[in-house]
Amino acid sequence: MAGLDRAAGRFLDLARASAAKSGGEPTLADLRRATEALAVFAQGELRREIETRDATLPGPAGDLPIRFYWPRSAQGKVLPGLIYFHGGGWLSGGLQSHDGVCRALADEGGCRVIAVAYRLAPEHPFPAALDDGAAAIVKIAAEAGSFAIDPRRIGIAGDSAGGNLAAVLCRTLRDQAPIALQLLLCPVLDALGRTASRRALATGYFLEERTMERYFEHYRSAGVAPDDPRVSPLRAPDFRGLPPTRIHAAEYDPLKDEAELYAKRLVEAGVDARATVHAGMIHHFYGLGDAIPYARIALKAIGADIREALA
């Protein structure tokens, strides 16, 4: 397409060549390696002036690994908090795969980011990831002061499948934890993929519809319908009372339409919500700064949203 960013197009060419070389449908191990490999395109973020600390929280199935990020200049200060859930189709990714993204959000957003390494499918299908996420949010909100976080300024964020978890958790915990921001980056909001963008961009734009189907097959437990709001938050019956929401989508991402529809339904329910569609971009562009220079511009805009909402 003529409007595709040139650098994004080069990245797609690289991804297609890699897929053609491997041949056949990727295995679960292949999908996991591919998610981890994306971290190489965010190596530039490691140069940011960010401090990190690994820790654990008590989870429903044992210790839950987390990683704190904060600007070096803010050492010892109480800051807003952003609890982050990584993407990877509910079955891949972790603290390392999204390390660069979390560093950038802490820097640009002027906040403490807490990345949560929730349990992955298919070994731990739905609702394991949601249970882990809920436990992390409730614990951090209850003990915010001990983490040098302002309890009045806590946001929930995630990208792709992590954005799905963030959206579901914001709804299910809206009466249990104070949430000041819902931040979603290229989120999965409808498991069935019934939008025009999911059909038009089903192949050739990095996130393949067949891969999306496989993700959902691995994640969903028996008896959970694709329309269940716990897996398809766009299908929730009620959007009232949700926190201020900022969504960043990509023009050439199959998930674009559901991001815009979600923002529209939030606004109709009286929620302060806004979706920004980044022209010429593809899925996960914000984590590909070493390949797509525009990612740095977008991260500044995302950081401005965080600062404004958690001011």
C-alpha atoms as a PDB file:
ATOM      1  CA  MET A   1       0.000   0.000   0.000  1.00  0.00           C
ATOM      2  CA  ALA A   2       1.228   3.458  -0.896  1.00  0.00           C
ATOM      3  CA  GLY A   3       0.846   4.848   2.618  1.00  0.00           C
ATOM      4  CA  LEU A   4       3.005   2.269   4.351  1.00  0.00           C
ATOM      5  CA  ASP A   5       6.000   3.818   6.103  1.00  0.00           C
ATOM      6  CA  ARG A   6       9.179   3.012   4.147  1.00  0.00           C
ATOM      7  CA  ALA A   7      11.053   1.668   7.174  1.00  0.00           C
ATOM      8  CA  ALA A   8       8.022  -0.388   8.209  1.00  0.00           C
ATOM      9  CA  GLY A   9       7.925  -1.808   4.685  1.00  0.00           C
ATOM     10  CA  ARG A  10      11.570  -2.844   4.927  1.00  0.00           C
ATOM     11  CA  PHE A  11      10.853  -4.549   8.241  1.00  0.00           C
ATOM     12  CA  LEU A  12       7.941  -6.443   6.657  1.00  0.00           C
ATOM     13  CA  ASP A  13      10.236  -7.584   3.845  1.00  0.00           C
ATOM     14  CA  LEU A  14      12.671  -8.902   6.460  1.00  0.00           C
ATOM     15  CA  ALA A  15       9.862 -10.682   8.320  1.00  0.00           C
ATOM     16  CA  ARG A  16       8.544 -12.268   5.109  1.00  0.00           C
ATOM     17  CA  ALA A  17      12.013 -13.480   4.126  1.00  0.00           C
ATOM     18  CA  SER A  18      12.508 -15.017   7.561  1.00  0.00           C
ATOM     19  CA  ALA A  19       9.112 -16.765   7.398  1.00  0.00           C
ATOM     20  CA  ALA A  20       9.826 -18.106   3.900  1.00  0.00           C
ATOM     21  CA  LYS A  21      13.188 -19.467   5.029  1.00  0.00           C
ATOM     22  CA  SER A  22      11.688 -21.366   7.962  1.00  0.00           C
ATOM     23  CA  GLY A  23       8.832 -22.812   5.857  1.00  0.00           C
ATOM     24  CA  GLY A  24       5.607 -24.348   7.101  1.00  0.00           C
ATOM     25  CA  GLU A  25       3.407 -23.276   9.974  1.00  0.00           C
ATOM     26  CA  PRO A  26       5.456 -22.170  12.997  1.00  0.00           C
ATOM     27  CA  THR A  27       5.452 -24.364  16.064  1.00  0.00           C
ATOM     28  CA  LEU A  28       4.773 -23.072  19.569  1.00  0.00           C
ATOM     29  CA  ALA A  29       8.532 -22.937  20.138  1.00  0.00           C
ATOM     30  CA  ASP A  30       8.934 -20.948  16.907  1.00  0.00           C
ATOM     31  CA  LEU A  31       6.299 -18.418  18.010  1.00  0.00           C
ATOM     32  CA  ARG A  32       8.018 -17.975  21.341  1.00  0.00           C
ATOM     33  CA  ARG A  33      11.443 -17.513  19.780  1.00  0.00           C
ATOM     34  CA  ALA A  34      10.022 -14.965  17.347  1.00  0.00           C
ATOM     35  CA  THR A  35       8.591 -12.835  20.157  1.00  0.00           C
ATOM     36  CA  GLU A  36      11.852 -12.877  22.082  1.00  0.00           C
ATOM     37  CA  ALA A  37      13.786 -12.053  18.897  1.00  0.00           C
ATOM     38  CA  LEU A  38      11.850  -8.790  18.481  1.00  0.00           C
ATOM     39  CA  ALA A  39      13.771  -7.385  21.455  1.00  0.00           C
ATOM     40  CA  VAL A  40      16.811  -6.920  19.197  1.00  0.00           C
ATOM     41  CA  PHE A  41      14.940  -4.107  17.427  1.00  0.00           C
ATOM     42  CA  ALA A  42      14.666  -2.139  20.682  1.00  0.00           C
ATOM     43  CA  GLN A  43      18.314  -2.262  21.732  1.00  0.00           C
ATOM     44  CA  GLY A  44      18.559   1.510  21.435  1.00  0.00           C
ATOM     45  CA  GLU A  45      16.204   1.842  24.389  1.00  0.00           C
ATOM     46  CA  LEU A  46      18.865   0.280  26.637  1.00  0.00           C
ATOM     47  CA  ARG A  47      20.791   3.548  26.440  1.00  0.00           C
ATOM     48  CA  ARG A  48      18.064   5.457  28.274  1.00  0.00           C
ATOM     49  CA  GLU A  49      18.872   6.669  31.791  1.00  0.00           C
ATOM     50  CA  ILE A  50      16.683   4.080  33.491  1.00  0.00           C
ATOM     51  CA  GLU A  51      17.119   2.053  36.668  1.00  0.00           C
ATOM     52  CA  THR A  52      15.625  -1.420  36.984  1.00  0.00           C
ATOM     53  CA  ARG A  53      15.012  -3.929  39.752  1.00  0.00           C
ATOM     54  CA  ASP A  54      13.643  -7.461  39.554  1.00  0.00           C
ATOM     55  CA  ALA A  55      11.350  -8.758  42.293  1.00  0.00           C
ATOM     56  CA  THR A  56       8.400 -11.072  42.870  1.00  0.00           C
ATOM     57  CA  LEU A  57       4.868 -10.665  44.152  1.00  0.00           C
ATOM     58  CA  PRO A  58       2.693 -13.396  45.678  1.00  0.00           C
ATOM     59  CA  GLY A  59       0.526 -14.796  42.906  1.00  0.00           C
ATOM     60  CA  PRO A  60      -2.293 -17.327  42.824  1.00  0.00           C
ATOM     61  CA  ALA A  61       0.109 -20.079  41.730  1.00  0.00           C
ATOM     62  CA  GLY A  62       3.316 -18.990  43.480  1.00  0.00           C
ATOM     63  CA  ASP A  63       5.793 -16.165  43.046  1.00  0.00           C
ATOM     64  CA  LEU A  64       4.964 -13.785  40.216  1.00  0.00           C
ATOM     65  CA  PRO A  65       8.076 -12.225  38.598  1.00  0.00           C
ATOM     66  CA  ILE A  66       7.963  -8.463  38.079  1.00  0.00           C
ATOM     67  CA  ARG A  67      10.448  -5.797  37.005  1.00  0.00           C
ATOM     68  CA  PHE A  68      10.485  -2.166  38.125  1.00  0.00           C
ATOM     69  CA  TYR A  69      11.669   0.655  35.848  1.00  0.00           C
ATOM     70  CA  TRP A  70      12.147   4.291  36.812  1.00  0.00           C
ATOM     71  CA  PRO A  71      14.066   7.320  35.486  1.00  0.00           C
ATOM     72  CA  ARG A  72      17.509   7.579  37.087  1.00  0.00           C
ATOM     73  CA  SER A  73      16.855  11.255  37.801  1.00  0.00           C
ATOM     74  CA  ALA A  74      13.869  10.298  39.971  1.00  0.00           C
ATOM     75  CA  GLN A  75      15.788   8.018  42.336  1.00  0.00           C
ATOM     76  CA  GLY A  76      13.946   7.854  45.672  1.00  0.00           C
ATOM     77  CA  LYS A  77      10.999   9.998  44.574  1.00  0.00           C
ATOM     78  CA  VAL A  78       7.360   8.948  44.760  1.00  0.00           C
ATOM     79  CA  LEU A  79       6.140   8.657  41.164  1.00  0.00           C
ATOM     80  CA  PRO A  80       3.020   7.622  39.265  1.00  0.00           C
ATOM     81  CA  GLY A  81       2.888   3.896  38.561  1.00  0.00           C
ATOM     82  CA  LEU A  82       2.151   2.052  35.311  1.00  0.00           C
ATOM     83  CA  ILE A  83       1.489  -1.695  35.624  1.00  0.00           C
ATOM     84  CA  TYR A  84       2.409  -3.244  32.267  1.00  0.00           C
ATOM     85  CA  PHE A  85       1.319  -6.482  30.585  1.00  0.00           C
ATOM     86  CA  HIS A  86       3.434  -7.608  27.634  1.00  0.00           C
ATOM     87  CA  GLY A  87       2.170  -8.860  24.295  1.00  0.00           C
ATOM     88  CA  GLY A  88       2.887 -12.189  22.660  1.00  0.00           C
ATOM     89  CA  GLY A  89      -0.460 -13.824  21.987  1.00  0.00           C
ATOM     90  CA  TRP A  90      -0.917 -14.940  25.631  1.00  0.00           C
ATOM     91  CA  LEU A  91       1.635 -17.676  24.951  1.00  0.00           C
ATOM     92  CA  SER A  92       4.980 -15.928  24.479  1.00  0.00           C
ATOM     93  CA  GLY A  93       6.974 -12.965  25.702  1.00  0.00           C
ATOM     94  CA  GLY A  94       8.093 -11.929  29.155  1.00  0.00           C
ATOM     95  CA  LEU A  95      10.246  -9.444  31.003  1.00  0.00           C
ATOM     96  CA  GLN A  96      13.050  -9.545  28.417  1.00  0.00           C
ATOM     97  CA  SER A  97      10.950  -9.361  25.251  1.00  0.00           C
ATOM     98  CA  HIS A  98       9.423  -6.002  26.248  1.00  0.00           C
ATOM     99  CA  ASP A  99      12.294  -4.612  28.281  1.00  0.00           C
ATOM    100  CA  GLY A 100      12.978  -1.861  25.736  1.00  0.00           C
ATOM    101  CA  VAL A 101       9.331  -0.808  25.568  1.00  0.00           C
ATOM    102  CA  CYS A 102       9.096  -0.584  29.365  1.00  0.00           C
ATOM    103  CA  ARG A 103      12.292   1.474  29.581  1.00  0.00           C
ATOM    104  CA  ALA A 104      10.913   3.907  27.013  1.00  0.00           C
ATOM    105  CA  LEU A 105       7.571   4.235  28.829  1.00  0.00           C
ATOM    106  CA  ALA A 106       9.281   4.906  32.166  1.00  0.00           C
ATOM    107  CA  ASP A 107      11.486   7.548  30.558  1.00  0.00           C
ATOM    108  CA  GLU A 108       8.917   9.298  28.363  1.00  0.00           C
ATOM    109  CA  GLY A 109       6.098   8.917  30.903  1.00  0.00           C
ATOM    110  CA  GLY A 110       8.100   9.985  33.951  1.00  0.00           C
ATOM    111  CA  CYS A 111       6.722   7.068  35.962  1.00  0.00           C
ATOM    112  CA  ARG A 112       7.570   3.786  37.612  1.00  0.00           C
ATOM    113  CA  VAL A 113       6.703   0.956  35.255  1.00  0.00           C
ATOM    114  CA  ILE A 114       6.033  -2.435  36.812  1.00  0.00           C
ATOM    115  CA  ALA A 115       6.186  -5.189  34.191  1.00  0.00           C
ATOM    116  CA  VAL A 116       4.339  -8.377  35.126  1.00  0.00           C
ATOM    117  CA  ALA A 117       5.474 -11.785  33.851  1.00  0.00           C
ATOM    118  CA  TYR A 118       2.100 -13.541  33.962  1.00  0.00           C
ATOM    119  CA  ARG A 119       1.717 -17.262  33.302  1.00  0.00           C
ATOM    120  CA  LEU A 120       1.541 -18.284  29.638  1.00  0.00           C
ATOM    121  CA  ALA A 121      -0.730 -20.580  27.650  1.00  0.00           C
ATOM    122  CA  PRO A 122      -1.082 -23.367  26.652  1.00  0.00           C
ATOM    123  CA  GLU A 123       0.560 -24.647  29.837  1.00  0.00           C
ATOM    124  CA  HIS A 124      -1.563 -22.155  31.785  1.00  0.00           C
ATOM    125  CA  PRO A 125      -4.663 -21.290  29.731  1.00  0.00           C
ATOM    126  CA  PHE A 126      -7.379 -18.743  30.526  1.00  0.00           C
ATOM    127  CA  PRO A 127      -7.880 -17.421  33.182  1.00  0.00           C
ATOM    128  CA  ALA A 128      -4.341 -17.908  34.572  1.00  0.00           C
ATOM    129  CA  ALA A 129      -2.948 -14.704  33.039  1.00  0.00           C
ATOM    130  CA  LEU A 130      -5.919 -12.686  34.264  1.00  0.00           C
ATOM    131  CA  ASP A 131      -5.639 -14.148  37.753  1.00  0.00           C
ATOM    132  CA  ASP A 132      -1.954 -13.208  37.867  1.00  0.00           C
ATOM    133  CA  GLY A 133      -2.677  -9.724  36.578  1.00  0.00           C
ATOM    134  CA  ALA A 134      -5.443  -9.120  39.098  1.00  0.00           C
ATOM    135  CA  ALA A 135      -3.228 -10.283  41.965  1.00  0.00           C
ATOM    136  CA  ALA A 136      -0.433  -7.930  40.848  1.00  0.00           C
ATOM    137  CA  ILE A 137      -2.717  -4.894  40.478  1.00  0.00           C
ATOM    138  CA  VAL A 138      -4.445  -5.395  43.824  1.00  0.00           C
ATOM    139  CA  LYS A 139      -1.127  -5.927  45.652  1.00  0.00           C
ATOM    140  CA  ILE A 140       0.599  -2.919  44.083  1.00  0.00           C
ATOM    141  CA  ALA A 141      -2.403  -0.655  44.665  1.00  0.00           C
ATOM    142  CA  ALA A 142      -2.693  -1.751  48.301  1.00  0.00           C
ATOM    143  CA  GLU A 143       1.005  -1.269  49.025  1.00  0.00           C
ATOM    144  CA  ALA A 144       1.820   1.540  46.589  1.00  0.00           C
ATOM    145  CA  GLY A 145       3.724   3.554  49.178  1.00  0.00           C
ATOM    146  CA  SER A 146       6.216   0.738  49.765  1.00  0.00           C
ATOM    147  CA  PHE A 147       6.971   0.774  46.026  1.00  0.00           C
ATOM    148  CA  ALA A 148       7.434   4.594  45.970  1.00  0.00           C
ATOM    149  CA  ILE A 149       4.264   4.878  43.884  1.00  0.00           C
ATOM    150  CA  ASP A 150       1.492   7.419  44.389  1.00  0.00           C
ATOM    151  CA  PRO A 151      -1.657   5.316  45.004  1.00  0.00           C
ATOM    152  CA  ARG A 152      -3.836   7.999  43.375  1.00  0.00           C
ATOM    153  CA  ARG A 153      -1.859   7.812  40.129  1.00  0.00           C
ATOM    154  CA  ILE A 154      -1.728   4.192  38.986  1.00  0.00           C
ATOM    155  CA  GLY A 155      -2.301   3.231  35.358  1.00  0.00           C
ATOM    156  CA  ILE A 156      -2.851  -0.177  33.769  1.00  0.00           C
ATOM    157  CA  ALA A 157      -1.203  -0.728  30.387  1.00  0.00           C
ATOM    158  CA  GLY A 158      -0.441  -3.430  27.870  1.00  0.00           C
ATOM    159  CA  ASP A 159       0.243  -4.113  24.232  1.00  0.00           C
ATOM    160  CA  SER A 160      -1.373  -6.607  21.854  1.00  0.00           C
ATOM    161  CA  ALA A 161      -2.506  -9.604  23.980  1.00  0.00           C
ATOM    162  CA  GLY A 162      -1.233  -7.695  27.014  1.00  0.00           C
ATOM    163  CA  GLY A 163      -3.549  -4.877  25.980  1.00  0.00           C
ATOM    164  CA  ASN A 164      -6.364  -7.412  26.018  1.00  0.00           C
ATOM    165  CA  LEU A 165      -5.464  -8.363  29.590  1.00  0.00           C
ATOM    166  CA  ALA A 166      -5.190  -4.700  30.620  1.00  0.00           C
ATOM    167  CA  ALA A 167      -8.630  -3.889  29.185  1.00  0.00           C
ATOM    168  CA  VAL A 168     -10.296  -6.880  30.846  1.00  0.00           C
ATOM    169  CA  LEU A 169      -8.619  -6.144  34.190  1.00  0.00           C
ATOM    170  CA  CYS A 170      -9.611  -2.474  34.117  1.00  0.00           C
ATOM    171  CA  ARG A 171     -13.244  -3.568  33.822  1.00  0.00           C
ATOM    172  CA  THR A 172     -13.181  -6.415  36.342  1.00  0.00           C
ATOM    173  CA  LEU A 173     -11.254  -4.412  38.965  1.00  0.00           C
ATOM    174  CA  ARG A 174     -12.913  -1.037  38.506  1.00  0.00           C
ATOM    175  CA  ASP A 175     -14.553  -1.291  41.929  1.00  0.00           C
ATOM    176  CA  GLN A 176     -11.592  -2.932  43.688  1.00  0.00           C
ATOM    177  CA  ALA A 177      -8.544  -0.831  42.810  1.00  0.00           C
ATOM    178  CA  PRO A 178      -8.103   2.866  41.986  1.00  0.00           C
ATOM    179  CA  ILE A 179      -7.088   3.018  38.317  1.00  0.00           C
ATOM    180  CA  ALA A 180      -6.263   6.430  36.869  1.00  0.00           C
ATOM    181  CA  LEU A 181      -5.389   5.396  33.288  1.00  0.00           C
ATOM    182  CA  GLN A 182      -6.033   2.605  30.807  1.00  0.00           C
ATOM    183  CA  LEU A 183      -3.235   2.648  28.199  1.00  0.00           C
ATOM    184  CA  LEU A 184      -3.506   0.190  25.314  1.00  0.00           C
ATOM    185  CA  LEU A 185      -0.972  -0.261  22.498  1.00  0.00           C
ATOM    186  CA  CYS A 186      -2.230  -2.159  19.422  1.00  0.00           C
ATOM    187  CA  PRO A 187      -4.577  -4.177  21.671  1.00  0.00           C
ATOM    188  CA  VAL A 188      -6.480  -7.375  20.873  1.00  0.00           C
ATOM    189  CA  LEU A 189     -10.078  -6.519  21.785  1.00  0.00           C
ATOM    190  CA  ASP A 190     -12.197  -8.979  19.786  1.00  0.00           C
ATOM    191  CA  ALA A 191     -11.179 -12.634  19.659  1.00  0.00           C
ATOM    192  CA  LEU A 192     -13.249 -13.372  16.565  1.00  0.00           C
ATOM    193  CA  GLY A 193     -11.731 -10.606  14.447  1.00  0.00           C
ATOM    194  CA  ARG A 194     -14.899  -9.451  12.707  1.00  0.00           C
ATOM    195  CA  THR A 195     -13.709  -6.003  11.655  1.00  0.00           C
ATOM    196  CA  ALA A 196     -12.812  -4.824   8.164  1.00  0.00           C
ATOM    197  CA  SER A 197      -9.154  -4.291   9.062  1.00  0.00           C
ATOM    198  CA  ARG A 198      -8.822  -7.875  10.296  1.00  0.00           C
ATOM    199  CA  ARG A 199     -10.055  -9.055   6.890  1.00  0.00           C
ATOM    200  CA  ALA A 200      -8.182  -6.556   4.709  1.00  0.00           C
ATOM    201  CA  LEU A 201      -4.850  -6.980   6.526  1.00  0.00           C
ATOM    202  CA  ALA A 202      -5.160 -10.682   7.340  1.00  0.00           C
ATOM    203  CA  THR A 203      -1.870 -11.607   5.656  1.00  0.00           C
ATOM    204  CA  GLY A 204       1.354  -9.832   4.835  1.00  0.00           C
ATOM    205  CA  TYR A 205       1.317  -7.229   7.619  1.00  0.00           C
ATOM    206  CA  PHE A 206       3.369  -8.965  10.309  1.00  0.00           C
ATOM    207  CA  LEU A 207       0.437 -10.095  12.480  1.00  0.00           C
ATOM    208  CA  GLU A 208      -1.255 -12.886  10.523  1.00  0.00           C
ATOM    209  CA  GLU A 209      -4.905 -13.772  11.105  1.00  0.00           C
ATOM    210  CA  ARG A 210      -4.051 -17.496  11.162  1.00  0.00           C
ATOM    211  CA  THR A 211      -1.526 -16.783  13.908  1.00  0.00           C
ATOM    212  CA  MET A 212      -4.188 -14.856  15.810  1.00  0.00           C
ATOM    213  CA  GLU A 213      -6.500 -17.864  15.553  1.00  0.00           C
ATOM    214  CA  ARG A 214      -3.794 -20.147  16.918  1.00  0.00           C
ATOM    215  CA  TYR A 215      -3.080 -17.756  19.786  1.00  0.00           C
ATOM    216  CA  PHE A 216      -6.723 -17.843  20.798  1.00  0.00           C
ATOM    217  CA  GLU A 217      -6.935 -21.633  20.450  1.00  0.00           C
ATOM    218  CA  HIS A 218      -4.008 -22.011  22.849  1.00  0.00           C
ATOM    219  CA  TYR A 219      -5.279 -19.387  25.309  1.00  0.00           C
ATOM    220  CA  ARG A 220      -9.012 -20.141  25.542  1.00  0.00           C
ATOM    221  CA  SER A 221     -10.278 -22.743  27.991  1.00  0.00           C
ATOM    222  CA  ALA A 222     -13.061 -25.131  27.068  1.00  0.00           C
ATOM    223  CA  GLY A 223     -16.460 -23.541  27.546  1.00  0.00           C
ATOM    224  CA  VAL A 224     -15.263 -19.955  27.102  1.00  0.00           C
ATOM    225  CA  ALA A 225     -17.070 -18.433  24.115  1.00  0.00           C
ATOM    226  CA  PRO A 226     -15.229 -16.027  21.789  1.00  0.00           C
ATOM    227  CA  ASP A 227     -17.835 -13.400  22.713  1.00  0.00           C
ATOM    228  CA  ASP A 228     -17.081 -13.672  26.431  1.00  0.00           C
ATOM    229  CA  PRO A 229     -15.989 -10.158  27.562  1.00  0.00           C
ATOM    230  CA  ARG A 230     -13.162 -11.772  29.533  1.00  0.00           C
ATOM    231  CA  VAL A 231     -11.474 -12.647  26.215  1.00  0.00           C
ATOM    232  CA  SER A 232     -13.190 -10.080  23.950  1.00  0.00           C
ATOM    233  CA  PRO A 233     -13.493  -6.838  25.968  1.00  0.00           C
ATOM    234  CA  LEU A 234     -15.015  -5.076  22.960  1.00  0.00           C
ATOM    235  CA  ARG A 235     -18.093  -7.279  23.543  1.00  0.00           C
ATOM    236  CA  ALA A 236     -18.651  -6.156  27.147  1.00  0.00           C
ATOM    237  CA  PRO A 237     -22.249  -5.075  27.850  1.00  0.00           C
ATOM    238  CA  ASP A 238     -21.273  -2.023  29.876  1.00  0.00           C
ATOM    239  CA  PHE A 239     -18.350   0.400  29.570  1.00  0.00           C
ATOM    240  CA  ARG A 240     -19.414   2.855  32.251  1.00  0.00           C
ATOM    241  CA  GLY A 241     -17.051   3.682  35.089  1.00  0.00           C
ATOM    242  CA  LEU A 242     -13.857   2.751  33.266  1.00  0.00           C
ATOM    243  CA  PRO A 243     -10.773   4.954  33.756  1.00  0.00           C
ATOM    244  CA  PRO A 244      -9.580   7.582  31.270  1.00  0.00           C
ATOM    245  CA  THR A 245      -8.272   5.651  28.279  1.00  0.00           C
ATOM    246  CA  ARG A 246      -5.609   6.283  25.662  1.00  0.00           C
ATOM    247  CA  ILE A 247      -5.198   3.831  22.794  1.00  0.00           C
ATOM    248  CA  HIS A 248      -2.385   3.847  20.243  1.00  0.00           C
ATOM    249  CA  ALA A 249      -3.065   1.834  17.092  1.00  0.00           C
ATOM    250  CA  ALA A 250      -1.345   1.431  13.728  1.00  0.00           C
ATOM    251  CA  GLU A 251      -2.839   2.129  10.301  1.00  0.00           C
ATOM    252  CA  TYR A 252      -1.585  -1.177   8.857  1.00  0.00           C
ATOM    253  CA  ASP A 253      -2.346  -3.342  11.886  1.00  0.00           C
ATOM    254  CA  PRO A 254      -5.231  -5.822  11.525  1.00  0.00           C
ATOM    255  CA  LEU A 255      -6.284  -4.754  15.043  1.00  0.00           C
ATOM    256  CA  LYS A 256      -6.781  -1.089  14.094  1.00  0.00           C
ATOM    257  CA  ASP A 257     -10.573  -1.136  13.707  1.00  0.00           C
ATOM    258  CA  GLU A 258     -11.279  -2.828  17.026  1.00  0.00           C
ATOM    259  CA  ALA A 259      -9.094  -0.244  18.794  1.00  0.00           C
ATOM    260  CA  GLU A 260     -11.131   2.573  17.281  1.00  0.00           C
ATOM    261  CA  LEU A 261     -14.432   0.816  18.039  1.00  0.00           C
ATOM    262  CA  TYR A 262     -13.416   0.314  21.657  1.00  0.00           C
ATOM    263  CA  ALA A 263     -12.604   4.008  22.055  1.00  0.00           C
ATOM    264  CA  LYS A 264     -15.933   4.900  20.448  1.00  0.00           C
ATOM    265  CA  ARG A 265     -17.888   2.707  22.860  1.00  0.00           C
ATOM    266  CA  LEU A 266     -16.035   4.127  25.831  1.00  0.00           C
ATOM    267  CA  VAL A 267     -16.869   7.674  24.745  1.00  0.00           C
ATOM    268  CA  GLU A 268     -20.526   6.702  24.262  1.00  0.00           C
ATOM    269  CA  ALA A 269     -20.480   5.436  27.861  1.00  0.00           C
ATOM    270  CA  GLY A 270     -19.155   8.752  29.130  1.00  0.00           C
ATOM    271  CA  VAL A 271     -15.516   7.712  29.507  1.00  0.00           C
ATOM    272  CA  ASP A 272     -12.680  10.092  28.618  1.00  0.00           C
ATOM    273  CA  ALA A 273     -11.189   8.036  25.783  1.00  0.00           C
ATOM    274  CA  ARG A 274      -9.096   8.707  22.699  1.00  0.00           C
ATOM    275  CA  ALA A 275      -7.598   6.478  20.017  1.00  0.00           C
ATOM    276  CA  THR A 276      -4.555   7.645  18.040  1.00  0.00           C
ATOM    277  CA  VAL A 277      -3.922   5.795  14.778  1.00  0.00           C
ATOM    278  CA  HIS A 278      -0.292   6.146  13.695  1.00  0.00           C
ATOM    279  CA  ALA A 279      -0.142   6.577   9.923  1.00  0.00           C
ATOM    280  CA  GLY A 280       1.921   4.102   7.928  1.00  0.00           C
ATOM    281  CA  MET A 281       2.698   1.920  10.960  1.00  0.00           C
ATOM    282  CA  ILE A 282       2.371  -1.817  11.588  1.00  0.00           C
ATOM    283  CA  HIS A 283       1.654  -3.973  14.634  1.00  0.00           C
ATOM    284  CA  HIS A 284       4.236  -3.602  17.453  1.00  0.00           C
ATOM    285  CA  PHE A 285       5.902  -0.626  15.731  1.00  0.00           C
ATOM    286  CA  TYR A 286       6.517   1.074  19.107  1.00  0.00           C
ATOM    287  CA  GLY A 287       8.892  -1.794  19.997  1.00  0.00           C
ATOM    288  CA  LEU A 288      10.839  -1.664  16.720  1.00  0.00           C
ATOM    289  CA  GLY A 289      12.667   1.637  17.106  1.00  0.00           C
ATOM    290  CA  ASP A 290      15.978   0.329  15.750  1.00  0.00           C
ATOM    291  CA  ALA A 291      14.207  -0.628  12.497  1.00  0.00           C
ATOM    292  CA  ILE A 292      11.447   2.006  12.351  1.00  0.00           C
ATOM    293  CA  PRO A 293      12.676   5.486  13.413  1.00  0.00           C
ATOM    294  CA  TYR A 294       9.120   6.818  13.770  1.00  0.00           C
ATOM    295  CA  ALA A 295       8.729   4.584  16.836  1.00  0.00           C
ATOM    296  CA  ARG A 296      10.691   7.125  18.898  1.00  0.00           C
ATOM    297  CA  ILE A 297       8.242   9.889  17.899  1.00  0.00           C
ATOM    298  CA  ALA A 298       5.295   7.677  18.815  1.00  0.00           C
ATOM    299  CA  LEU A 299       6.826   6.782  22.186  1.00  0.00           C
ATOM    300  CA  LYS A 300       7.090  10.481  23.014  1.00  0.00           C
ATOM    301  CA  ALA A 301       3.381  10.873  22.224  1.00  0.00           C
ATOM    302  CA  ILE A 302       2.547   7.838  24.370  1.00  0.00           C
ATOM    303  CA  GLY A 303       4.689   9.261  27.157  1.00  0.00           C
ATOM    304  CA  ALA A 304       2.836  12.578  26.914  1.00  0.00           C
ATOM    305  CA  ASP A 305      -0.448  10.693  27.377  1.00  0.00           C
ATOM    306  CA  ILE A 306       0.932   9.030  30.513  1.00  0.00           C
ATOM    307  CA  ARG A 307       2.168  12.319  31.960  1.00  0.00           C
ATOM    308  CA  GLU A 308      -1.127  14.075  31.245  1.00  0.00           C
ATOM    309  CA  ALA A 309      -3.324  11.319  32.693  1.00  0.00           C
ATOM    310  CA  LEU A 310      -1.179  10.713  35.771  1.00  0.00           C
ATOM    311  CA  ALA A 311      -0.239  14.332  36.464  1.00  0.00           C
END
